[in-house]
């Protein structure tokens, strides 16, 4: 059975004081939960999160990385630097970066392999815009994004990551995918991987992200191919995030 996972994506939010209050509420609040929990934090807060969370069940990760190894590239953060701060996971190909910073399937694939080589677990994101969904192109878009790593690196390498379906039309809009809509795409992703390796497909964790909150979490997590959540705004609220983690345990 696939172990459930909830990932909090803090994005470009919080502060040292806010982080401390949030983590000190989350650590005891999640103590009894059986699912895996990761928080992906802004780079400047790695040391603080490492200090506070290192004896808890909460793991921490990054929201991006540079594909290059240590080199003359001003402002970049390498996979080795993330490992140095105890990071276990890194988000790759998030819809906001694809849309606003024009990241591509190729650059996502390069960062994916850099993360794998460093021993990090990539959380590889896929999803379509509203226009692409309305045009009936969801499977084409998601399949193309998945193939950027599946065809290049093979199922054995993809097995080392976590996948996340996050439709762009749902991210930050308060209009999440319905459980049936999300399940349909998650099933498609799993089926596409099964064409290459059925065992990898069966054990692959696929998360849902996009306006996930305590009110819709249980219904989404009850779907057979949804293995947890990639949580944005609600990951900044301890009560909301704990409620979502409880929902995934019950799903």
C-alpha atoms as a PDB file:
ATOM      1  CA  UNK A   1       0.000   0.000   0.000  1.00  0.00           C
ATOM      2  CA  UNK A   2       1.238   3.483  -0.896  1.00  0.00           C
ATOM      3  CA  UNK A   3       2.135   5.607   2.131  1.00  0.00           C
ATOM      4  CA  UNK A   4       0.238   8.904   2.205  1.00  0.00           C
ATOM      5  CA  UNK A   5       2.095  12.218   1.972  1.00  0.00           C
ATOM      6  CA  UNK A   6       1.150  15.842   2.604  1.00  0.00           C
ATOM      7  CA  UNK A   7       3.494  18.601   1.423  1.00  0.00           C
ATOM      8  CA  UNK A   8       3.157  22.201   2.562  1.00  0.00           C
ATOM      9  CA  UNK A   9       4.386  24.743   0.013  1.00  0.00           C
ATOM     10  CA  UNK A  10       4.968  27.990   1.906  1.00  0.00           C
ATOM     11  CA  UNK A  11       5.811  29.804  -1.369  1.00  0.00           C
ATOM     12  CA  UNK A  12       7.188  33.346  -0.778  1.00  0.00           C
ATOM     13  CA  UNK A  13       5.552  33.798   2.615  1.00  0.00           C
ATOM     14  CA  UNK A  14       6.146  33.888   6.363  1.00  0.00           C
ATOM     15  CA  UNK A  15       8.886  35.268   8.608  1.00  0.00           C
ATOM     16  CA  UNK A  16      11.160  33.955  11.334  1.00  0.00           C
ATOM     17  CA  UNK A  17       8.524  34.681  13.962  1.00  0.00           C
ATOM     18  CA  UNK A  18       5.750  33.208  11.811  1.00  0.00           C
ATOM     19  CA  UNK A  19       7.758  30.082  11.057  1.00  0.00           C
ATOM     20  CA  UNK A  20       8.473  29.485  14.730  1.00  0.00           C
ATOM     21  CA  UNK A  21       4.824  29.835  15.720  1.00  0.00           C
ATOM     22  CA  UNK A  22       3.662  27.632  12.850  1.00  0.00           C
ATOM     23  CA  UNK A  23       6.131  24.815  13.462  1.00  0.00           C
ATOM     24  CA  UNK A  24       5.615  24.853  17.211  1.00  0.00           C
ATOM     25  CA  UNK A  25       1.900  24.315  16.565  1.00  0.00           C
ATOM     26  CA  UNK A  26       2.401  21.692  13.857  1.00  0.00           C
ATOM     27  CA  UNK A  27       4.887  19.468  15.673  1.00  0.00           C
ATOM     28  CA  UNK A  28       2.601  18.394  18.543  1.00  0.00           C
ATOM     29  CA  UNK A  29      -0.494  18.596  16.345  1.00  0.00           C
ATOM     30  CA  UNK A  30       0.896  16.054  13.872  1.00  0.00           C
ATOM     31  CA  UNK A  31       2.535  13.743  16.380  1.00  0.00           C
ATOM     32  CA  UNK A  32      -0.146  11.052  16.082  1.00  0.00           C
ATOM     33  CA  UNK A  33      -0.608  11.216  12.295  1.00  0.00           C
ATOM     34  CA  UNK A  34       0.700   8.296  10.239  1.00  0.00           C
ATOM     35  CA  UNK A  35       1.153  10.087   6.915  1.00  0.00           C
ATOM     36  CA  UNK A  36       4.485  11.595   5.858  1.00  0.00           C
ATOM     37  CA  UNK A  37       4.681  15.392   6.190  1.00  0.00           C
ATOM     38  CA  UNK A  38       7.037  17.780   4.382  1.00  0.00           C
ATOM     39  CA  UNK A  39       7.196  21.571   4.421  1.00  0.00           C
ATOM     40  CA  UNK A  40       8.900  23.297   1.475  1.00  0.00           C
ATOM     41  CA  UNK A  41      10.220  26.612   2.705  1.00  0.00           C
ATOM     42  CA  UNK A  42      11.964  29.683   1.242  1.00  0.00           C
ATOM     43  CA  UNK A  43      15.753  29.360   1.096  1.00  0.00           C
ATOM     44  CA  UNK A  44      16.566  31.862   3.903  1.00  0.00           C
ATOM     45  CA  UNK A  45      14.642  29.801   6.464  1.00  0.00           C
ATOM     46  CA  UNK A  46      16.367  26.427   6.024  1.00  0.00           C
ATOM     47  CA  UNK A  47      18.566  26.806   9.101  1.00  0.00           C
ATOM     48  CA  UNK A  48      15.651  27.869  11.299  1.00  0.00           C
ATOM     49  CA  UNK A  49      13.385  25.051  10.131  1.00  0.00           C
ATOM     50  CA  UNK A  50      16.183  22.520  10.495  1.00  0.00           C
ATOM     51  CA  UNK A  51      16.782  23.626  14.092  1.00  0.00           C
ATOM     52  CA  UNK A  52      13.113  23.506  15.094  1.00  0.00           C
ATOM     53  CA  UNK A  53      11.931  20.445  13.167  1.00  0.00           C
ATOM     54  CA  UNK A  54      14.933  18.115  13.256  1.00  0.00           C
ATOM     55  CA  UNK A  55      13.614  15.958  16.118  1.00  0.00           C
ATOM     56  CA  UNK A  56      10.015  15.917  14.821  1.00  0.00           C
ATOM     57  CA  UNK A  57       8.274  13.850  12.144  1.00  0.00           C
ATOM     58  CA  UNK A  58       8.228  16.862   9.818  1.00  0.00           C
ATOM     59  CA  UNK A  59      10.731  16.833   6.965  1.00  0.00           C
ATOM     60  CA  UNK A  60      11.658  19.958   5.056  1.00  0.00           C
ATOM     61  CA  UNK A  61      12.443  20.735   1.465  1.00  0.00           C
ATOM     62  CA  UNK A  62      12.942  23.484  -1.096  1.00  0.00           C
ATOM     63  CA  UNK A  63      10.645  25.042  -3.659  1.00  0.00           C
ATOM     64  CA  UNK A  64      13.179  24.934  -6.499  1.00  0.00           C
ATOM     65  CA  UNK A  65      16.860  24.406  -7.260  1.00  0.00           C
ATOM     66  CA  UNK A  66      19.412  25.156  -9.948  1.00  0.00           C
ATOM     67  CA  UNK A  67      20.325  22.331 -12.327  1.00  0.00           C
ATOM     68  CA  UNK A  68      23.988  23.365 -12.288  1.00  0.00           C
ATOM     69  CA  UNK A  69      26.481  22.155  -9.729  1.00  0.00           C
ATOM     70  CA  UNK A  70      28.703  24.624  -7.859  1.00  0.00           C
ATOM     71  CA  UNK A  71      29.733  27.197 -10.447  1.00  0.00           C
ATOM     72  CA  UNK A  72      29.895  30.933 -11.181  1.00  0.00           C
ATOM     73  CA  UNK A  73      26.152  31.593 -11.324  1.00  0.00           C
ATOM     74  CA  UNK A  74      25.055  34.501  -9.180  1.00  0.00           C
ATOM     75  CA  UNK A  75      21.916  33.998  -7.122  1.00  0.00           C
ATOM     76  CA  UNK A  76      21.550  30.274  -7.784  1.00  0.00           C
ATOM     77  CA  UNK A  77      21.117  27.497  -5.202  1.00  0.00           C
ATOM     78  CA  UNK A  78      22.427  24.013  -5.999  1.00  0.00           C
ATOM     79  CA  UNK A  79      21.157  20.604  -4.967  1.00  0.00           C
ATOM     80  CA  UNK A  80      24.254  20.096  -2.811  1.00  0.00           C
ATOM     81  CA  UNK A  81      23.400  23.236  -0.836  1.00  0.00           C
ATOM     82  CA  UNK A  82      19.912  21.869  -0.122  1.00  0.00           C
ATOM     83  CA  UNK A  83      21.374  18.588   1.099  1.00  0.00           C
ATOM     84  CA  UNK A  84      23.775  20.551   3.310  1.00  0.00           C
ATOM     85  CA  UNK A  85      20.768  21.936   5.197  1.00  0.00           C
ATOM     86  CA  UNK A  86      19.113  18.566   5.632  1.00  0.00           C
ATOM     87  CA  UNK A  87      16.500  18.968   2.896  1.00  0.00           C
ATOM     88  CA  UNK A  88      14.844  15.751   1.790  1.00  0.00           C
ATOM     89  CA  UNK A  89      12.535  17.026  -0.980  1.00  0.00           C
ATOM     90  CA  UNK A  90      12.402  19.724  -3.648  1.00  0.00           C
ATOM     91  CA  UNK A  91       9.498  20.937  -5.768  1.00  0.00           C
ATOM     92  CA  UNK A  92      10.208  20.819  -9.509  1.00  0.00           C
ATOM     93  CA  UNK A  93       8.137  22.395 -12.292  1.00  0.00           C
ATOM     94  CA  UNK A  94       5.521  24.140 -10.151  1.00  0.00           C
ATOM     95  CA  UNK A  95       2.813  25.763 -12.261  1.00  0.00           C
ATOM     96  CA  UNK A  96       3.582  29.252 -10.954  1.00  0.00           C
ATOM     97  CA  UNK A  97       7.171  28.967 -12.128  1.00  0.00           C
ATOM     98  CA  UNK A  98       6.148  27.497 -15.472  1.00  0.00           C
ATOM     99  CA  UNK A  99       3.634  30.286 -15.992  1.00  0.00           C
ATOM    100  CA  UNK A 100       5.296  33.347 -14.493  1.00  0.00           C
ATOM    101  CA  UNK A 101       8.992  32.529 -14.952  1.00  0.00           C
ATOM    102  CA  UNK A 102       8.598  30.664 -18.264  1.00  0.00           C
ATOM    103  CA  UNK A 103      10.173  27.442 -17.051  1.00  0.00           C
ATOM    104  CA  UNK A 104       9.846  24.596 -19.538  1.00  0.00           C
ATOM    105  CA  UNK A 105       9.677  20.814 -19.667  1.00  0.00           C
ATOM    106  CA  UNK A 106      13.384  20.802 -20.570  1.00  0.00           C
ATOM    107  CA  UNK A 107      14.479  22.966 -17.638  1.00  0.00           C
ATOM    108  CA  UNK A 108      12.243  20.976 -15.290  1.00  0.00           C
ATOM    109  CA  UNK A 109      13.865  17.743 -16.503  1.00  0.00           C
ATOM    110  CA  UNK A 110      17.346  19.174 -15.920  1.00  0.00           C
ATOM    111  CA  UNK A 111      16.480  20.153 -12.351  1.00  0.00           C
ATOM    112  CA  UNK A 112      14.814  16.773 -11.802  1.00  0.00           C
ATOM    113  CA  UNK A 113      17.977  14.864 -12.632  1.00  0.00           C
ATOM    114  CA  UNK A 114      20.090  17.246 -10.509  1.00  0.00           C
ATOM    115  CA  UNK A 115      17.839  16.507  -7.540  1.00  0.00           C
ATOM    116  CA  UNK A 116      17.971  12.737  -8.107  1.00  0.00           C
ATOM    117  CA  UNK A 117      21.768  12.784  -8.441  1.00  0.00           C
ATOM    118  CA  UNK A 118      22.040  14.607  -5.097  1.00  0.00           C
ATOM    119  CA  UNK A 119      19.786  12.112  -3.310  1.00  0.00           C
ATOM    120  CA  UNK A 120      16.824  14.490  -3.005  1.00  0.00           C
ATOM    121  CA  UNK A 121      13.234  13.437  -3.701  1.00  0.00           C
ATOM    122  CA  UNK A 122      11.757  15.619  -6.444  1.00  0.00           C
ATOM    123  CA  UNK A 123       8.090  16.554  -6.177  1.00  0.00           C
ATOM    124  CA  UNK A 124       7.451  16.833  -9.899  1.00  0.00           C
ATOM    125  CA  UNK A 125       4.434  18.990 -10.800  1.00  0.00           C
ATOM    126  CA  UNK A 126       2.141  18.725 -13.795  1.00  0.00           C
ATOM    127  CA  UNK A 127      -1.066  20.465 -14.783  1.00  0.00           C
ATOM    128  CA  UNK A 128      -3.081  22.227 -17.468  1.00  0.00           C
ATOM    129  CA  UNK A 129      -4.535  25.724 -17.852  1.00  0.00           C
ATOM    130  CA  UNK A 130      -8.269  26.392 -18.007  1.00  0.00           C
ATOM    131  CA  UNK A 131      -8.005  27.006 -21.739  1.00  0.00           C
ATOM    132  CA  UNK A 132      -6.245  23.674 -22.238  1.00  0.00           C
ATOM    133  CA  UNK A 133      -8.870  21.851 -20.162  1.00  0.00           C
ATOM    134  CA  UNK A 134     -11.713  23.543 -22.050  1.00  0.00           C
ATOM    135  CA  UNK A 135     -10.080  22.468 -25.310  1.00  0.00           C
ATOM    136  CA  UNK A 136      -9.979  18.838 -24.141  1.00  0.00           C
ATOM    137  CA  UNK A 137      -6.159  18.847 -23.979  1.00  0.00           C
ATOM    138  CA  UNK A 138      -5.651  17.858 -20.341  1.00  0.00           C
ATOM    139  CA  UNK A 139      -4.239  14.404 -21.062  1.00  0.00           C
ATOM    140  CA  UNK A 140      -2.011  15.712 -23.841  1.00  0.00           C
ATOM    141  CA  UNK A 141      -0.520  18.455 -21.631  1.00  0.00           C
ATOM    142  CA  UNK A 142      -0.081  16.299 -18.530  1.00  0.00           C
ATOM    143  CA  UNK A 143       1.260  13.414 -20.615  1.00  0.00           C
ATOM    144  CA  UNK A 144       3.805  15.687 -22.286  1.00  0.00           C
ATOM    145  CA  UNK A 145       4.982  17.038 -18.950  1.00  0.00           C
ATOM    146  CA  UNK A 146       5.265  13.531 -17.495  1.00  0.00           C
ATOM    147  CA  UNK A 147       7.135  12.283 -20.554  1.00  0.00           C
ATOM    148  CA  UNK A 148       9.761  14.991 -19.992  1.00  0.00           C
ATOM    149  CA  UNK A 149      11.091  12.736 -17.222  1.00  0.00           C
ATOM    150  CA  UNK A 150       9.548   9.322 -17.972  1.00  0.00           C
ATOM    151  CA  UNK A 151      10.924   9.006 -21.502  1.00  0.00           C
ATOM    152  CA  UNK A 152      14.260  10.637 -20.715  1.00  0.00           C
ATOM    153  CA  UNK A 153      15.121   8.815 -17.518  1.00  0.00           C
ATOM    154  CA  UNK A 154      12.890   5.739 -17.482  1.00  0.00           C
ATOM    155  CA  UNK A 155      10.488   4.377 -14.870  1.00  0.00           C
ATOM    156  CA  UNK A 156      13.230   3.200 -12.501  1.00  0.00           C
ATOM    157  CA  UNK A 157      14.393   6.804 -12.026  1.00  0.00           C
ATOM    158  CA  UNK A 158      10.887   8.250 -11.935  1.00  0.00           C
ATOM    159  CA  UNK A 159      10.139   5.775  -9.133  1.00  0.00           C
ATOM    160  CA  UNK A 160      12.442   7.860  -6.919  1.00  0.00           C
ATOM    161  CA  UNK A 161      10.184  10.926  -7.124  1.00  0.00           C
ATOM    162  CA  UNK A 162       6.736  12.040  -6.027  1.00  0.00           C
ATOM    163  CA  UNK A 163       4.345  13.295  -8.699  1.00  0.00           C
ATOM    164  CA  UNK A 164       1.847  16.103  -8.185  1.00  0.00           C
ATOM    165  CA  UNK A 165      -1.132  16.989 -10.351  1.00  0.00           C
ATOM    166  CA  UNK A 166      -1.930  20.666  -9.856  1.00  0.00           C
ATOM    167  CA  UNK A 167      -4.255  22.138 -12.490  1.00  0.00           C
ATOM    168  CA  UNK A 168      -3.317  25.773 -13.086  1.00  0.00           C
ATOM    169  CA  UNK A 169      -6.983  26.733 -13.155  1.00  0.00           C
ATOM    170  CA  UNK A 170      -7.353  25.549  -9.553  1.00  0.00           C
ATOM    171  CA  UNK A 171      -4.144  26.904  -7.978  1.00  0.00           C
ATOM    172  CA  UNK A 172      -4.970  29.873  -5.743  1.00  0.00           C
ATOM    173  CA  UNK A 173      -8.446  30.320  -7.237  1.00  0.00           C
ATOM    174  CA  UNK A 174     -10.726  28.759  -4.580  1.00  0.00           C
ATOM    175  CA  UNK A 175     -12.055  26.545  -7.407  1.00  0.00           C
ATOM    176  CA  UNK A 176     -10.478  23.134  -6.809  1.00  0.00           C
ATOM    177  CA  UNK A 177     -10.860  20.187  -9.110  1.00  0.00           C
ATOM    178  CA  UNK A 178     -13.744  17.975  -8.067  1.00  0.00           C
ATOM    179  CA  UNK A 179     -12.761  14.587  -6.663  1.00  0.00           C
ATOM    180  CA  UNK A 180     -13.867  12.951  -9.916  1.00  0.00           C
ATOM    181  CA  UNK A 181     -11.908  15.409 -12.067  1.00  0.00           C
ATOM    182  CA  UNK A 182      -8.757  14.917  -9.988  1.00  0.00           C
ATOM    183  CA  UNK A 183      -9.147  11.138  -9.888  1.00  0.00           C
ATOM    184  CA  UNK A 184      -9.529  10.976 -13.660  1.00  0.00           C
ATOM    185  CA  UNK A 185      -6.177  12.701 -14.212  1.00  0.00           C
ATOM    186  CA  UNK A 186      -4.412  10.797 -11.429  1.00  0.00           C
ATOM    187  CA  UNK A 187      -5.618   7.528 -12.944  1.00  0.00           C
ATOM    188  CA  UNK A 188      -4.411   8.653 -16.367  1.00  0.00           C
ATOM    189  CA  UNK A 189      -0.950   9.433 -14.941  1.00  0.00           C
ATOM    190  CA  UNK A 190      -0.725   6.054 -13.211  1.00  0.00           C
ATOM    191  CA  UNK A 191      -1.918   4.246 -16.336  1.00  0.00           C
ATOM    192  CA  UNK A 192       0.655   6.036 -18.493  1.00  0.00           C
ATOM    193  CA  UNK A 193       3.458   4.954 -16.164  1.00  0.00           C
ATOM    194  CA  UNK A 194       2.070   1.395 -16.138  1.00  0.00           C
ATOM    195  CA  UNK A 195       2.699   1.147 -19.865  1.00  0.00           C
ATOM    196  CA  UNK A 196       6.405   1.269 -18.977  1.00  0.00           C
ATOM    197  CA  UNK A 197       6.394  -0.512 -15.615  1.00  0.00           C
ATOM    198  CA  UNK A 198       3.300  -1.712 -13.754  1.00  0.00           C
ATOM    199  CA  UNK A 199       5.121  -2.103 -10.443  1.00  0.00           C
ATOM    200  CA  UNK A 200       6.424   1.469 -10.526  1.00  0.00           C
ATOM    201  CA  UNK A 201       2.950   2.725 -11.402  1.00  0.00           C
ATOM    202  CA  UNK A 202       1.329   0.847  -8.544  1.00  0.00           C
ATOM    203  CA  UNK A 203       3.785   2.234  -5.985  1.00  0.00           C
ATOM    204  CA  UNK A 204       4.070   5.789  -7.341  1.00  0.00           C
ATOM    205  CA  UNK A 205       2.730   8.461  -4.991  1.00  0.00           C
ATOM    206  CA  UNK A 206       0.662  11.055  -6.853  1.00  0.00           C
ATOM    207  CA  UNK A 207      -0.466  14.148  -4.941  1.00  0.00           C
ATOM    208  CA  UNK A 208      -3.255  16.589  -5.719  1.00  0.00           C
ATOM    209  CA  UNK A 209      -2.629  20.339  -5.452  1.00  0.00           C
ATOM    210  CA  UNK A 210      -4.881  23.295  -6.219  1.00  0.00           C
ATOM    211  CA  UNK A 211      -7.092  25.075  -3.654  1.00  0.00           C
ATOM    212  CA  UNK A 212      -6.870  22.083  -1.330  1.00  0.00           C
ATOM    213  CA  UNK A 213      -8.412  22.892   2.056  1.00  0.00           C
ATOM    214  CA  UNK A 214      -9.939  21.180   5.113  1.00  0.00           C
ATOM    215  CA  UNK A 215     -13.408  21.240   3.547  1.00  0.00           C
ATOM    216  CA  UNK A 216     -12.538  19.340   0.361  1.00  0.00           C
ATOM    217  CA  UNK A 217      -9.535  17.280   1.486  1.00  0.00           C
ATOM    218  CA  UNK A 218     -11.406  14.188   2.695  1.00  0.00           C
ATOM    219  CA  UNK A 219     -13.373  13.774  -0.538  1.00  0.00           C
ATOM    220  CA  UNK A 220     -10.253  14.179  -2.670  1.00  0.00           C
ATOM    221  CA  UNK A 221      -8.158  11.826  -0.549  1.00  0.00           C
ATOM    222  CA  UNK A 222     -10.884   9.162  -0.721  1.00  0.00           C
ATOM    223  CA  UNK A 223     -10.156   8.733  -4.439  1.00  0.00           C
ATOM    224  CA  UNK A 224      -8.144   5.552  -5.137  1.00  0.00           C
ATOM    225  CA  UNK A 225      -5.318   7.189  -7.107  1.00  0.00           C
ATOM    226  CA  UNK A 226      -4.827  10.281  -4.918  1.00  0.00           C
ATOM    227  CA  UNK A 227      -2.076   9.665  -2.364  1.00  0.00           C
ATOM    228  CA  UNK A 228      -1.980  12.989  -0.553  1.00  0.00           C
ATOM    229  CA  UNK A 229      -1.756  16.689  -1.200  1.00  0.00           C
ATOM    230  CA  UNK A 230       0.480  19.561  -2.215  1.00  0.00           C
ATOM    231  CA  UNK A 231      -0.921  22.349  -0.047  1.00  0.00           C
ATOM    232  CA  UNK A 232      -0.322  26.054  -0.639  1.00  0.00           C
ATOM    233  CA  UNK A 233      -2.198  28.712   1.328  1.00  0.00           C
ATOM    234  CA  UNK A 234      -3.569  26.315   3.967  1.00  0.00           C
ATOM    235  CA  UNK A 235      -0.060  25.120   4.825  1.00  0.00           C
ATOM    236  CA  UNK A 236       0.509  28.509   6.488  1.00  0.00           C
ATOM    237  CA  UNK A 237      -2.329  27.940   8.942  1.00  0.00           C
ATOM    238  CA  UNK A 238      -1.563  25.299  11.577  1.00  0.00           C
ATOM    239  CA  UNK A 239      -5.181  24.286  12.193  1.00  0.00           C
ATOM    240  CA  UNK A 240      -5.929  23.990   8.460  1.00  0.00           C
ATOM    241  CA  UNK A 241      -2.772  22.022   7.699  1.00  0.00           C
ATOM    242  CA  UNK A 242      -3.301  19.638  10.602  1.00  0.00           C
ATOM    243  CA  UNK A 243      -6.900  19.093   9.476  1.00  0.00           C
ATOM    244  CA  UNK A 244      -5.708  18.233   5.963  1.00  0.00           C
ATOM    245  CA  UNK A 245      -3.135  15.787   7.359  1.00  0.00           C
ATOM    246  CA  UNK A 246      -5.840  14.141   9.469  1.00  0.00           C
ATOM    247  CA  UNK A 247      -8.043  13.870   6.362  1.00  0.00           C
ATOM    248  CA  UNK A 248      -5.326  12.088   4.397  1.00  0.00           C
ATOM    249  CA  UNK A 249      -4.830   9.635   7.277  1.00  0.00           C
ATOM    250  CA  UNK A 250      -8.534   8.856   7.185  1.00  0.00           C
ATOM    251  CA  UNK A 251      -8.743   8.641   3.382  1.00  0.00           C
END
